[in-house]
C-alpha cells in the first residue's frame, strides 16, 4: 500500500491507495502558507500511517531535484526553498519517500494506468495553468540531466507577445490557462462555456489556440517521433473546439511520416490523474524493476 502527496500551487491532496492505483481514502486542502501546508501534509500522512504503508510518493511542480528529494522554489511555491521533503518524511515515518516532477509523474500514471498503456514512446502534456511535458521514451521515463527535460512551455512560439514561463512569445504564453487569460476574454473554463453557447468570438479564439497548439505538437512530433501524445486539463475539456485547427497545423508543419505514426488523445484518468501520479511515484519501491520500466 502507498501514500501519494500531490502538491499544487492552489491545492494539495494526500491519498492512500494500492499498487493498482485504486484510491481508497483521500484528504484535500488548500495550499496556503508554507508552514500551514506542510503541517497539513504531515498530519494527513500521520493519519494514513495507521494502515500498512510501503512508501510515500510526492508529485510537485518544478524546479526540483528528484534525486536528492528537494523542492526548489517553484513559481507557485516560492517559499519552498530547497525543502528536503523526502528526508523529512523518511525520518518522521521510517519508510521510503520519493519526489517527482508533476508532469513526469502524470506521464507515468497515464502510461501505466490510463491512455498510454502499451505505448513504447509517449508524451504527456499538462495544458493546465502552465504547459509542461512528461516523456516516456523507449519504455522509460526520461527526466534529463537535472529534471529539466520536457519544458516545452519555455520554447519561443512568436518573436514577442504573451508572456509565459517569464518569456514573451513562449508556448506557455499561448497554450496554457495563464496564457489564454491574456487574450482578455476570461479564463479557459469561461471561454469553454462561451464556445458551447455558440459565441463566435470564443469559437474563433479556440481555433487560434488549437493552431498554436498544433505548432507546438509538430515540434515534439518531429524531435521525438512518439506513438501517442496524451493531453490533460484544458484540452481534455475543450478539444472539440481545437482539434480541427490543431491537426491542420500539425500536418502543415511536421514530417508526414511522423504524423502518420502518432495520435493525440485526452488524458484518461480525469480528475484522479494527480492523485494516481503521486501514487505512481511511491510505487518505485518494493518492485523487482524500476516503476518507470514498463513490464512487457
C-alpha atoms as a PDB file:
ATOM      1  CA  UNK A   1       0.000   0.000   0.000  1.00  0.00           C
ATOM      2  CA  UNK A   2       1.138   3.540  -0.712  1.00  0.00           C
ATOM      3  CA  UNK A   3       0.604   7.178   0.217  1.00  0.00           C
ATOM      4  CA  UNK A   4       0.616   9.795  -2.548  1.00  0.00           C
ATOM      5  CA  UNK A   5       1.032  13.529  -1.987  1.00  0.00           C
ATOM      6  CA  UNK A   6       0.080  15.908  -4.814  1.00  0.00           C
ATOM      7  CA  UNK A   7       1.379  19.410  -4.051  1.00  0.00           C
ATOM      8  CA  UNK A   8      -0.084  22.198  -6.183  1.00  0.00           C
ATOM      9  CA  UNK A   9       0.042  25.964  -6.095  1.00  0.00           C
ATOM     10  CA  UNK A  10      -3.628  26.285  -5.076  1.00  0.00           C
ATOM     11  CA  UNK A  11      -4.496  22.904  -3.559  1.00  0.00           C
ATOM     12  CA  UNK A  12      -2.913  19.733  -2.225  1.00  0.00           C
ATOM     13  CA  UNK A  13      -4.167  16.212  -1.750  1.00  0.00           C
ATOM     14  CA  UNK A  14      -2.925  13.232   0.231  1.00  0.00           C
ATOM     15  CA  UNK A  15      -4.228   9.815  -0.787  1.00  0.00           C
ATOM     16  CA  UNK A  16      -3.934   6.219   0.387  1.00  0.00           C
ATOM     17  CA  UNK A  17      -4.069   3.567  -2.313  1.00  0.00           C
ATOM     18  CA  UNK A  18      -2.775   0.292  -3.670  1.00  0.00           C
ATOM     19  CA  UNK A  19      -0.452  -0.852  -6.442  1.00  0.00           C
ATOM     20  CA  UNK A  20      -3.346  -0.956  -8.921  1.00  0.00           C
ATOM     21  CA  UNK A  21      -3.729   2.817  -8.477  1.00  0.00           C
ATOM     22  CA  UNK A  22      -7.029   2.392  -6.642  1.00  0.00           C
ATOM     23  CA  UNK A  23      -7.541   5.321  -4.264  1.00  0.00           C
ATOM     24  CA  UNK A  24      -9.050   4.071  -1.011  1.00  0.00           C
ATOM     25  CA  UNK A  25      -9.010   7.302   1.010  1.00  0.00           C
ATOM     26  CA  UNK A  26      -8.280  10.925   0.249  1.00  0.00           C
ATOM     27  CA  UNK A  27      -7.796  14.211   2.046  1.00  0.00           C
ATOM     28  CA  UNK A  28      -7.705  17.515   0.189  1.00  0.00           C
ATOM     29  CA  UNK A  29      -6.906  21.046   1.362  1.00  0.00           C
ATOM     30  CA  UNK A  30      -5.926  24.478   0.077  1.00  0.00           C
ATOM     31  CA  UNK A  31      -2.290  25.427  -0.334  1.00  0.00           C
ATOM     32  CA  UNK A  32      -1.722  28.389   1.979  1.00  0.00           C
ATOM     33  CA  UNK A  33       1.447  29.389   3.795  1.00  0.00           C
ATOM     34  CA  UNK A  34       4.474  27.117   3.736  1.00  0.00           C
ATOM     35  CA  UNK A  35       4.114  26.345   7.448  1.00  0.00           C
ATOM     36  CA  UNK A  36       0.390  25.543   7.377  1.00  0.00           C
ATOM     37  CA  UNK A  37       0.608  23.496   4.203  1.00  0.00           C
ATOM     38  CA  UNK A  38       3.499  21.356   5.446  1.00  0.00           C
ATOM     39  CA  UNK A  39       1.709  20.857   8.778  1.00  0.00           C
ATOM     40  CA  UNK A  40      -1.396  19.651   6.931  1.00  0.00           C
ATOM     41  CA  UNK A  41       0.650  17.282   4.786  1.00  0.00           C
ATOM     42  CA  UNK A  42       2.348  15.732   7.822  1.00  0.00           C
ATOM     43  CA  UNK A  43      -0.969  15.436   9.677  1.00  0.00           C
ATOM     44  CA  UNK A  44      -2.621  13.662   6.732  1.00  0.00           C
ATOM     45  CA  UNK A  45       0.306  11.292   6.280  1.00  0.00           C
ATOM     46  CA  UNK A  46       0.213  10.520  10.007  1.00  0.00           C
ATOM     47  CA  UNK A  47      -3.476   9.664   9.728  1.00  0.00           C
ATOM     48  CA  UNK A  48      -2.868   7.202   6.877  1.00  0.00           C
ATOM     49  CA  UNK A  49       0.147   5.650   8.604  1.00  0.00           C
ATOM     50  CA  UNK A  50      -2.272   3.751  10.833  1.00  0.00           C
ATOM     51  CA  UNK A  51      -2.569   1.470   7.784  1.00  0.00           C
ATOM     52  CA  UNK A  52       0.081  -0.731   6.188  1.00  0.00           C
ATOM     53  CA  UNK A  53       2.217   1.614   4.043  1.00  0.00           C
ATOM     54  CA  UNK A  54       5.268   0.643   1.963  1.00  0.00           C
ATOM     55  CA  UNK A  55       6.312   4.061   0.657  1.00  0.00           C
ATOM     56  CA  UNK A  56       5.337   7.696   0.127  1.00  0.00           C
ATOM     57  CA  UNK A  57       5.360   9.473  -3.237  1.00  0.00           C
ATOM     58  CA  UNK A  58       5.306  13.237  -3.790  1.00  0.00           C
ATOM     59  CA  UNK A  59       4.310  14.885  -7.064  1.00  0.00           C
ATOM     60  CA  UNK A  60       5.138  18.601  -7.296  1.00  0.00           C
ATOM     61  CA  UNK A  61       5.773  21.228  -9.939  1.00  0.00           C
ATOM     62  CA  UNK A  62       9.387  22.048 -10.722  1.00  0.00           C
ATOM     63  CA  UNK A  63      12.057  23.081 -10.421  1.00  0.00           C
ATOM     64  CA  UNK A  64      13.105  20.313  -8.075  1.00  0.00           C
ATOM     65  CA  UNK A  65      15.875  17.789  -7.520  1.00  0.00           C
ATOM     66  CA  UNK A  66      14.215  14.387  -7.577  1.00  0.00           C
ATOM     67  CA  UNK A  67      17.425  12.519  -6.782  1.00  0.00           C
ATOM     68  CA  UNK A  68      18.003  14.411  -3.535  1.00  0.00           C
ATOM     69  CA  UNK A  69      14.308  14.977  -2.805  1.00  0.00           C
ATOM     70  CA  UNK A  70      14.498  18.789  -2.815  1.00  0.00           C
ATOM     71  CA  UNK A  71      11.739  21.218  -3.833  1.00  0.00           C
ATOM     72  CA  UNK A  72      13.499  24.257  -5.336  1.00  0.00           C
ATOM     73  CA  UNK A  73      11.130  27.236  -5.057  1.00  0.00           C
ATOM     74  CA  UNK A  74       8.620  26.515  -7.857  1.00  0.00           C
ATOM     75  CA  UNK A  75       6.847  29.655  -9.159  1.00  0.00           C
ATOM     76  CA  UNK A  76       3.643  28.770  -7.292  1.00  0.00           C
ATOM     77  CA  UNK A  77       5.530  27.715  -4.136  1.00  0.00           C
ATOM     78  CA  UNK A  78       8.258  30.379  -3.735  1.00  0.00           C
ATOM     79  CA  UNK A  79       8.778  29.729  -0.010  1.00  0.00           C
ATOM     80  CA  UNK A  80       9.641  26.060  -0.599  1.00  0.00           C
ATOM     81  CA  UNK A  81      13.316  26.841  -0.996  1.00  0.00           C
ATOM     82  CA  UNK A  82      15.486  23.697  -1.136  1.00  0.00           C
ATOM     83  CA  UNK A  83      12.898  21.987   1.049  1.00  0.00           C
ATOM     84  CA  UNK A  84      14.127  18.397   1.745  1.00  0.00           C
ATOM     85  CA  UNK A  85      10.685  16.850   1.746  1.00  0.00           C
ATOM     86  CA  UNK A  86      11.743  13.231   1.222  1.00  0.00           C
ATOM     87  CA  UNK A  87      14.295  13.328   4.073  1.00  0.00           C
ATOM     88  CA  UNK A  88      11.707  14.818   6.417  1.00  0.00           C
ATOM     89  CA  UNK A  89       9.121  12.151   5.572  1.00  0.00           C
ATOM     90  CA  UNK A  90      11.639   9.300   5.815  1.00  0.00           C
ATOM     91  CA  UNK A  91      12.922  10.441   9.196  1.00  0.00           C
ATOM     92  CA  UNK A  92       9.459  11.039  10.637  1.00  0.00           C
ATOM     93  CA  UNK A  93       7.718   7.896   9.368  1.00  0.00           C
ATOM     94  CA  UNK A  94      10.581   5.448   8.789  1.00  0.00           C
ATOM     95  CA  UNK A  95       9.626   4.386   5.261  1.00  0.00           C
ATOM     96  CA  UNK A  96      10.960   5.276   1.768  1.00  0.00           C
ATOM     97  CA  UNK A  97       9.814   8.555   0.209  1.00  0.00           C
ATOM     98  CA  UNK A  98      10.299   9.744  -3.377  1.00  0.00           C
ATOM     99  CA  UNK A  99       9.806  13.049  -5.206  1.00  0.00           C
ATOM    100  CA  UNK A 100       8.967  13.575  -8.889  1.00  0.00           C
ATOM    101  CA  UNK A 101       8.087  16.488 -11.153  1.00  0.00           C
ATOM    102  CA  UNK A 102       4.307  16.547 -11.601  1.00  0.00           C
ATOM    103  CA  UNK A 103       4.352  16.358 -15.409  1.00  0.00           C
ATOM    104  CA  UNK A 104       6.706  13.362 -15.249  1.00  0.00           C
ATOM    105  CA  UNK A 105       4.565  11.681 -12.597  1.00  0.00           C
ATOM    106  CA  UNK A 106       1.410  12.262 -14.653  1.00  0.00           C
ATOM    107  CA  UNK A 107       3.138  10.801 -17.707  1.00  0.00           C
ATOM    108  CA  UNK A 108       3.897   7.613 -15.780  1.00  0.00           C
ATOM    109  CA  UNK A 109       0.326   7.461 -14.448  1.00  0.00           C
ATOM    110  CA  UNK A 110      -1.253   7.742 -17.907  1.00  0.00           C
ATOM    111  CA  UNK A 111       1.306   5.308 -19.326  1.00  0.00           C
ATOM    112  CA  UNK A 112       0.731   2.627 -16.721  1.00  0.00           C
ATOM    113  CA  UNK A 113      -2.954   3.061 -15.923  1.00  0.00           C
ATOM    114  CA  UNK A 114      -4.515   5.389 -18.492  1.00  0.00           C
ATOM    115  CA  UNK A 115      -4.499   6.284 -22.176  1.00  0.00           C
ATOM    116  CA  UNK A 116      -0.864   5.290 -22.744  1.00  0.00           C
ATOM    117  CA  UNK A 117      -0.989   1.636 -21.717  1.00  0.00           C
ATOM    118  CA  UNK A 118       1.098  -0.421 -24.117  1.00  0.00           C
ATOM    119  CA  UNK A 119       2.943   2.545 -25.656  1.00  0.00           C
ATOM    120  CA  UNK A 120       6.699   2.472 -26.086  1.00  0.00           C
ATOM    121  CA  UNK A 121       7.032   6.199 -26.834  1.00  0.00           C
ATOM    122  CA  UNK A 122       4.532   8.632 -25.336  1.00  0.00           C
ATOM    123  CA  UNK A 123       4.378  12.317 -24.438  1.00  0.00           C
ATOM    124  CA  UNK A 124       2.115  13.706 -21.726  1.00  0.00           C
ATOM    125  CA  UNK A 125       1.271  17.426 -21.831  1.00  0.00           C
ATOM    126  CA  UNK A 126      -0.205  19.236 -18.847  1.00  0.00           C
ATOM    127  CA  UNK A 127      -2.017  22.105 -20.690  1.00  0.00           C
ATOM    128  CA  UNK A 128      -3.273  23.493 -17.372  1.00  0.00           C
ATOM    129  CA  UNK A 129      -2.235  26.682 -15.603  1.00  0.00           C
ATOM    130  CA  UNK A 130       1.113  26.138 -17.345  1.00  0.00           C
ATOM    131  CA  UNK A 131       2.442  23.933 -20.126  1.00  0.00           C
ATOM    132  CA  UNK A 132       4.908  21.146 -19.414  1.00  0.00           C
ATOM    133  CA  UNK A 133       5.659  17.685 -20.755  1.00  0.00           C
ATOM    134  CA  UNK A 134       6.463  14.274 -19.343  1.00  0.00           C
ATOM    135  CA  UNK A 135       8.378  11.990 -21.705  1.00  0.00           C
ATOM    136  CA  UNK A 136       8.178   8.205 -21.930  1.00  0.00           C
ATOM    137  CA  UNK A 137      10.906   7.143 -24.370  1.00  0.00           C
ATOM    138  CA  UNK A 138      11.735   3.522 -25.156  1.00  0.00           C
ATOM    139  CA  UNK A 139       9.567   2.300 -22.253  1.00  0.00           C
ATOM    140  CA  UNK A 140      11.289   4.535 -19.726  1.00  0.00           C
ATOM    141  CA  UNK A 141      10.605   7.918 -18.163  1.00  0.00           C
ATOM    142  CA  UNK A 142      13.140  10.451 -19.431  1.00  0.00           C
ATOM    143  CA  UNK A 143      13.789  13.315 -16.980  1.00  0.00           C
ATOM    144  CA  UNK A 144      17.012  14.786 -18.364  1.00  0.00           C
ATOM    145  CA  UNK A 145      20.230  15.648 -16.556  1.00  0.00           C
ATOM    146  CA  UNK A 146      18.677  17.760 -13.788  1.00  0.00           C
ATOM    147  CA  UNK A 147      14.931  17.065 -14.074  1.00  0.00           C
ATOM    148  CA  UNK A 148      14.744  19.716 -16.791  1.00  0.00           C
ATOM    149  CA  UNK A 149      13.510  17.642 -19.733  1.00  0.00           C
ATOM    150  CA  UNK A 150      10.093  18.388 -21.231  1.00  0.00           C
ATOM    151  CA  UNK A 151       9.939  22.135 -20.579  1.00  0.00           C
ATOM    152  CA  UNK A 152       8.173  22.742 -23.887  1.00  0.00           C
ATOM    153  CA  UNK A 153       6.335  25.761 -22.470  1.00  0.00           C
ATOM    154  CA  UNK A 154       9.603  27.705 -22.458  1.00  0.00           C
ATOM    155  CA  UNK A 155      10.125  27.327 -26.229  1.00  0.00           C
ATOM    156  CA  UNK A 156       9.506  30.540 -28.167  1.00  0.00           C
ATOM    157  CA  UNK A 157       6.477  30.422 -30.466  1.00  0.00           C
ATOM    158  CA  UNK A 158       6.434  34.088 -31.519  1.00  0.00           C
ATOM    159  CA  UNK A 159       9.078  36.812 -31.508  1.00  0.00           C
ATOM    160  CA  UNK A 160       7.070  38.724 -28.901  1.00  0.00           C
ATOM    161  CA  UNK A 161       3.625  38.674 -27.335  1.00  0.00           C
ATOM    162  CA  UNK A 162       2.002  36.844 -24.434  1.00  0.00           C
ATOM    163  CA  UNK A 163       4.282  36.083 -21.521  1.00  0.00           C
ATOM    164  CA  UNK A 164       4.627  32.564 -20.198  1.00  0.00           C
ATOM    165  CA  UNK A 165       7.447  30.979 -18.255  1.00  0.00           C
ATOM    166  CA  UNK A 166       8.846  34.527 -17.856  1.00  0.00           C
ATOM    167  CA  UNK A 167       9.401  34.739 -21.649  1.00  0.00           C
ATOM    168  CA  UNK A 168       7.395  36.871 -24.093  1.00  0.00           C
ATOM    169  CA  UNK A 169       6.175  34.872 -27.075  1.00  0.00           C
ATOM    170  CA  UNK A 170       6.641  31.479 -25.406  1.00  0.00           C
ATOM    171  CA  UNK A 171       4.404  28.485 -25.993  1.00  0.00           C
ATOM    172  CA  UNK A 172       3.153  28.685 -22.396  1.00  0.00           C
ATOM    173  CA  UNK A 173       2.045  32.265 -23.126  1.00  0.00           C
ATOM    174  CA  UNK A 174      -0.476  30.903 -25.626  1.00  0.00           C
ATOM    175  CA  UNK A 175      -1.163  27.248 -24.773  1.00  0.00           C
ATOM    176  CA  UNK A 176      -1.968  27.325 -21.061  1.00  0.00           C
ATOM    177  CA  UNK A 177      -4.607  28.677 -18.728  1.00  0.00           C
ATOM    178  CA  UNK A 178      -2.444  31.659 -17.802  1.00  0.00           C
ATOM    179  CA  UNK A 179      -1.688  32.306 -21.459  1.00  0.00           C
ATOM    180  CA  UNK A 180      -5.308  32.071 -22.599  1.00  0.00           C
ATOM    181  CA  UNK A 181      -6.326  34.586 -19.912  1.00  0.00           C
ATOM    182  CA  UNK A 182      -4.037  37.146 -21.589  1.00  0.00           C
ATOM    183  CA  UNK A 183      -6.460  37.373 -24.516  1.00  0.00           C
ATOM    184  CA  UNK A 184      -8.798  39.283 -22.192  1.00  0.00           C
ATOM    185  CA  UNK A 185     -11.849  37.048 -22.590  1.00  0.00           C
ATOM    186  CA  UNK A 186     -11.629  35.396 -19.196  1.00  0.00           C
ATOM    187  CA  UNK A 187     -10.372  32.007 -18.052  1.00  0.00           C
ATOM    188  CA  UNK A 188     -10.195  28.919 -20.245  1.00  0.00           C
ATOM    189  CA  UNK A 189     -13.163  27.499 -18.323  1.00  0.00           C
ATOM    190  CA  UNK A 190     -15.212  30.637 -19.077  1.00  0.00           C
ATOM    191  CA  UNK A 191     -14.103  30.606 -22.706  1.00  0.00           C
ATOM    192  CA  UNK A 192     -15.256  26.989 -22.990  1.00  0.00           C
ATOM    193  CA  UNK A 193     -18.699  27.908 -21.676  1.00  0.00           C
ATOM    194  CA  UNK A 194     -18.942  30.750 -24.206  1.00  0.00           C
ATOM    195  CA  UNK A 195     -17.914  28.458 -27.075  1.00  0.00           C
ATOM    196  CA  UNK A 196     -20.521  25.873 -26.098  1.00  0.00           C
ATOM    197  CA  UNK A 197     -23.173  28.581 -26.077  1.00  0.00           C
ATOM    198  CA  UNK A 198     -22.255  29.441 -29.672  1.00  0.00           C
ATOM    199  CA  UNK A 199     -20.250  32.600 -29.034  1.00  0.00           C
ATOM    200  CA  UNK A 200     -18.410  33.193 -32.324  1.00  0.00           C
ATOM    201  CA  UNK A 201     -15.518  35.115 -30.756  1.00  0.00           C
ATOM    202  CA  UNK A 202     -14.841  32.280 -28.311  1.00  0.00           C
ATOM    203  CA  UNK A 203     -15.001  29.662 -31.062  1.00  0.00           C
ATOM    204  CA  UNK A 204     -12.611  31.705 -33.214  1.00  0.00           C
ATOM    205  CA  UNK A 205     -10.198  32.126 -30.328  1.00  0.00           C
ATOM    206  CA  UNK A 206     -10.162  28.393 -29.632  1.00  0.00           C
ATOM    207  CA  UNK A 207      -9.399  27.855 -33.313  1.00  0.00           C
ATOM    208  CA  UNK A 208      -6.320  30.068 -32.944  1.00  0.00           C
ATOM    209  CA  UNK A 209      -5.303  28.323 -29.721  1.00  0.00           C
ATOM    210  CA  UNK A 210      -5.661  24.986 -31.499  1.00  0.00           C
ATOM    211  CA  UNK A 211      -3.395  26.158 -34.323  1.00  0.00           C
ATOM    212  CA  UNK A 212      -0.749  27.353 -31.852  1.00  0.00           C
ATOM    213  CA  UNK A 213      -1.014  24.052 -30.019  1.00  0.00           C
ATOM    214  CA  UNK A 214      -0.597  22.232 -33.336  1.00  0.00           C
ATOM    215  CA  UNK A 215       2.652  24.120 -33.977  1.00  0.00           C
ATOM    216  CA  UNK A 216       3.873  23.020 -30.544  1.00  0.00           C
ATOM    217  CA  UNK A 217       2.926  19.400 -31.206  1.00  0.00           C
ATOM    218  CA  UNK A 218       4.647  19.458 -34.594  1.00  0.00           C
ATOM    219  CA  UNK A 219       7.919  20.358 -32.869  1.00  0.00           C
ATOM    220  CA  UNK A 220       7.549  17.449 -30.449  1.00  0.00           C
ATOM    221  CA  UNK A 221       6.454  15.026 -33.168  1.00  0.00           C
ATOM    222  CA  UNK A 222       9.476  15.764 -35.343  1.00  0.00           C
ATOM    223  CA  UNK A 223      12.006  15.689 -32.491  1.00  0.00           C
ATOM    224  CA  UNK A 224      10.700  12.690 -30.510  1.00  0.00           C
ATOM    225  CA  UNK A 225       8.597  10.716 -33.032  1.00  0.00           C
ATOM    226  CA  UNK A 226       6.069   9.459 -30.419  1.00  0.00           C
ATOM    227  CA  UNK A 227       3.291   6.929 -30.917  1.00  0.00           C
ATOM    228  CA  UNK A 228       0.928   8.860 -28.685  1.00  0.00           C
ATOM    229  CA  UNK A 229       0.504  12.326 -27.184  1.00  0.00           C
ATOM    230  CA  UNK A 230      -1.778  12.439 -24.141  1.00  0.00           C
ATOM    231  CA  UNK A 231      -3.068  15.863 -23.107  1.00  0.00           C
ATOM    232  CA  UNK A 232      -4.740  16.867 -19.862  1.00  0.00           C
ATOM    233  CA  UNK A 233      -6.723  19.704 -18.328  1.00  0.00           C
ATOM    234  CA  UNK A 234      -7.869  22.367 -20.828  1.00  0.00           C
ATOM    235  CA  UNK A 235      -7.553  20.093 -23.858  1.00  0.00           C
ATOM    236  CA  UNK A 236      -9.480  17.360 -22.090  1.00  0.00           C
ATOM    237  CA  UNK A 237     -12.411  19.741 -21.620  1.00  0.00           C
ATOM    238  CA  UNK A 238     -12.228  21.793 -24.835  1.00  0.00           C
ATOM    239  CA  UNK A 239     -10.698  19.545 -27.509  1.00  0.00           C
ATOM    240  CA  UNK A 240     -13.813  19.760 -29.676  1.00  0.00           C
ATOM    241  CA  UNK A 241     -13.049  23.419 -30.430  1.00  0.00           C
ATOM    242  CA  UNK A 242      -9.323  22.901 -31.059  1.00  0.00           C
ATOM    243  CA  UNK A 243      -8.822  19.595 -32.868  1.00  0.00           C
ATOM    244  CA  UNK A 244      -9.519  20.707 -36.438  1.00  0.00           C
ATOM    245  CA  UNK A 245      -7.082  23.634 -36.452  1.00  0.00           C
ATOM    246  CA  UNK A 246      -4.591  21.651 -34.368  1.00  0.00           C
ATOM    247  CA  UNK A 247      -4.397  18.807 -36.890  1.00  0.00           C
ATOM    248  CA  UNK A 248      -4.272  21.242 -39.824  1.00  0.00           C
ATOM    249  CA  UNK A 249      -1.174  22.842 -38.312  1.00  0.00           C
ATOM    250  CA  UNK A 250       0.416  19.507 -37.362  1.00  0.00           C
ATOM    251  CA  UNK A 251       0.060  18.250 -40.953  1.00  0.00           C
ATOM    252  CA  UNK A 252       1.379  21.533 -42.315  1.00  0.00           C
ATOM    253  CA  UNK A 253       4.426  21.717 -40.027  1.00  0.00           C
ATOM    254  CA  UNK A 254       5.525  18.156 -39.188  1.00  0.00           C
ATOM    255  CA  UNK A 255       7.111  15.439 -41.322  1.00  0.00           C
ATOM    256  CA  UNK A 256       4.346  13.404 -42.949  1.00  0.00           C
ATOM    257  CA  UNK A 257       5.737  10.014 -41.972  1.00  0.00           C
ATOM    258  CA  UNK A 258       5.916  11.072 -38.329  1.00  0.00           C
ATOM    259  CA  UNK A 259       2.381  12.468 -38.424  1.00  0.00           C
ATOM    260  CA  UNK A 260       1.054   9.166 -39.737  1.00  0.00           C
ATOM    261  CA  UNK A 261       2.577   7.345 -36.751  1.00  0.00           C
ATOM    262  CA  UNK A 262       1.088   9.478 -33.960  1.00  0.00           C
ATOM    263  CA  UNK A 263      -2.269  10.031 -32.299  1.00  0.00           C
ATOM    264  CA  UNK A 264      -3.329  12.807 -29.913  1.00  0.00           C
ATOM    265  CA  UNK A 265      -5.819  11.876 -27.179  1.00  0.00           C
ATOM    266  CA  UNK A 266      -7.295  13.242 -23.976  1.00  0.00           C
ATOM    267  CA  UNK A 267      -5.906  12.126 -20.627  1.00  0.00           C
ATOM    268  CA  UNK A 268      -7.948   9.146 -19.478  1.00  0.00           C
ATOM    269  CA  UNK A 269      -7.546   9.334 -15.709  1.00  0.00           C
ATOM    270  CA  UNK A 270      -9.528  12.559 -15.458  1.00  0.00           C
ATOM    271  CA  UNK A 271      -9.777  14.292 -12.119  1.00  0.00           C
ATOM    272  CA  UNK A 272      -7.863  11.454 -10.434  1.00  0.00           C
ATOM    273  CA  UNK A 273      -4.749  11.998 -12.535  1.00  0.00           C
ATOM    274  CA  UNK A 274      -2.772  13.998  -9.950  1.00  0.00           C
ATOM    275  CA  UNK A 275      -3.561  11.519  -7.186  1.00  0.00           C
ATOM    276  CA  UNK A 276      -2.692   8.463  -9.275  1.00  0.00           C
ATOM    277  CA  UNK A 277       0.506  10.222 -10.365  1.00  0.00           C
ATOM    278  CA  UNK A 278       1.592  10.671  -6.753  1.00  0.00           C
ATOM    279  CA  UNK A 279       0.869   7.009  -6.018  1.00  0.00           C
ATOM    280  CA  UNK A 280       2.989   6.042  -9.036  1.00  0.00           C
ATOM    281  CA  UNK A 281       5.918   7.968  -7.554  1.00  0.00           C
ATOM    282  CA  UNK A 282       5.578   5.925  -4.362  1.00  0.00           C
ATOM    283  CA  UNK A 283       5.453   2.662  -6.298  1.00  0.00           C
ATOM    284  CA  UNK A 284       9.112   2.818  -7.306  1.00  0.00           C
ATOM    285  CA  UNK A 285       9.937   0.941  -4.097  1.00  0.00           C
ATOM    286  CA  UNK A 286       9.369  -2.767  -3.495  1.00  0.00           C
ATOM    287  CA  UNK A 287       9.487  -3.624  -7.192  1.00  0.00           C
ATOM    288  CA  UNK A 288      11.832  -6.026  -8.965  1.00  0.00           C
ATOM    289  CA  UNK A 289      12.262  -3.368 -11.634  1.00  0.00           C
ATOM    290  CA  UNK A 290      12.041   0.403 -11.569  1.00  0.00           C
ATOM    291  CA  UNK A 291       8.451   1.547 -11.838  1.00  0.00           C
ATOM    292  CA  UNK A 292       9.456   3.550 -14.893  1.00  0.00           C
ATOM    293  CA  UNK A 293      10.312   0.458 -16.937  1.00  0.00           C
ATOM    294  CA  UNK A 294       7.009  -0.934 -18.154  1.00  0.00           C
ATOM    295  CA  UNK A 295       6.789  -4.704 -17.933  1.00  0.00           C
ATOM    296  CA  UNK A 296       6.192  -6.416 -21.250  1.00  0.00           C
END
